[in-house]
Amino acid sequence: MSLSEKELLELKEEINDAKTRASELTGQQKALLQQFKNEFGCRTVEEAKKKLAEMELSISSQEKRIGKSIGELEEKYNTDDDE
């Protein structure tokens, strides 16, 4: 199978576009990893995932504690509207 000059030029342009996009994505990845490192002390994506899981667990625990405290406050200060 033989490609025409036009087809070869189109393929060359697609390859160059793909290389440019890959370079952009690599730059974005490096920037995000630097942000993870600066803000959360994570050096890798795996560390960031672990940190996220820890944070989600902490949030869940805090939500439960807050819900319990709200329930206790409602119980303590609940007034009957019938009285």
Protein backbone atom coordinates (compact mmCIF):
# COMPACT_ATOMS: atom_id res chain seq x y z
CA MET A 1 0.00 0.00 0.00
CA SER A 2 1.42 3.31 -1.05
CA LEU A 3 0.46 6.62 0.52
CA SER A 4 0.20 9.82 -1.43
CA GLU A 5 2.25 12.87 -0.55
CA LYS A 6 -0.88 14.54 0.84
CA GLU A 7 -1.64 11.55 3.08
CA LEU A 8 1.94 11.48 4.33
CA LEU A 9 1.80 15.19 5.16
CA GLU A 10 -1.49 14.70 7.00
CA LEU A 11 0.00 11.83 9.00
CA LYS A 12 3.06 13.93 9.80
CA GLU A 13 0.79 16.72 11.06
CA GLU A 14 -1.20 14.27 13.20
CA ILE A 15 2.02 12.90 14.68
CA ASN A 16 3.27 16.41 15.47
CA ASP A 17 -0.08 17.30 17.07
CA ALA A 18 0.08 14.13 19.18
CA LYS A 19 3.63 14.94 20.29
CA THR A 20 2.58 18.46 21.26
CA ARG A 21 -0.42 17.17 23.21
CA ALA A 22 1.74 14.57 24.98
CA SER A 23 4.19 17.29 25.97
CA GLU A 24 1.39 19.48 27.31
CA LEU A 25 -0.03 16.60 29.34
CA THR A 26 3.40 15.79 30.75
CA GLY A 27 3.76 19.41 31.84
CA GLN A 28 0.34 19.37 33.49
CA GLN A 29 1.19 16.15 35.29
CA LYS A 30 4.42 17.64 36.62
CA ALA A 31 2.57 20.75 37.79
CA LEU A 32 -0.07 18.68 39.59
CA LEU A 33 2.54 16.50 41.26
CA GLN A 34 4.34 19.65 42.44
CA GLN A 35 1.04 20.98 43.82
CA PHE A 36 0.39 17.66 45.61
CA LYS A 37 3.87 17.87 47.09
CA ASN A 38 3.51 21.48 48.21
CA GLU A 39 -0.01 21.26 49.62
CA PHE A 40 -0.20 17.72 50.93
CA GLY A 41 3.36 16.39 51.11
CA CYS A 42 2.66 13.79 48.39
CA ARG A 43 5.44 12.92 45.98
CA THR A 44 3.57 10.42 43.82
CA VAL A 45 0.05 9.80 42.56
CA GLU A 46 -0.10 6.73 44.83
CA GLU A 47 0.73 8.88 47.87
CA ALA A 48 -1.94 11.38 46.79
CA LYS A 49 -4.54 8.59 46.51
CA LYS A 50 -3.60 7.35 49.99
CA LYS A 51 -3.84 10.88 51.39
CA LEU A 52 -7.25 11.32 49.74
CA ALA A 53 -8.52 8.09 51.32
CA GLU A 54 -7.27 9.27 54.73
CA MET A 55 -8.94 12.65 54.28
CA GLU A 56 -12.23 11.05 53.20
CA LEU A 57 -12.16 8.80 56.27
CA SER A 58 -11.49 11.82 58.49
CA ILE A 59 -14.35 13.76 56.91
CA SER A 60 -16.71 10.82 57.40
CA SER A 61 -15.72 10.55 61.05
CA GLN A 62 -16.19 14.28 61.59
CA GLU A 63 -19.60 14.21 59.89
CA LYS A 64 -20.72 11.41 62.22
CA ARG A 65 -19.47 13.32 65.26
CA ILE A 66 -21.23 16.49 64.14
CA GLY A 67 -24.45 14.58 63.48
CA LYS A 68 -24.30 13.03 66.94
CA SER A 69 -23.65 16.43 68.54
CA ILE A 70 -26.55 18.00 66.67
CA GLY A 71 -28.80 15.18 67.82
CA GLU A 72 -27.71 15.71 71.42
CA LEU A 73 -28.32 19.46 71.17
CA GLU A 74 -31.74 18.95 69.62
CA GLU A 75 -32.62 16.50 72.37
CA LYS A 76 -31.37 18.83 75.09
CA TYR A 77 -33.02 21.99 73.79
CA ASN A 78 -36.07 20.48 72.15
CA THR A 79 -39.21 22.21 73.30
CA ASP A 80 -42.63 20.79 72.79
CA ASP A 81 -44.85 23.09 70.80
CA ASP A 82 -47.85 21.62 72.64
CA GLU A 83 -46.94 23.21 75.98
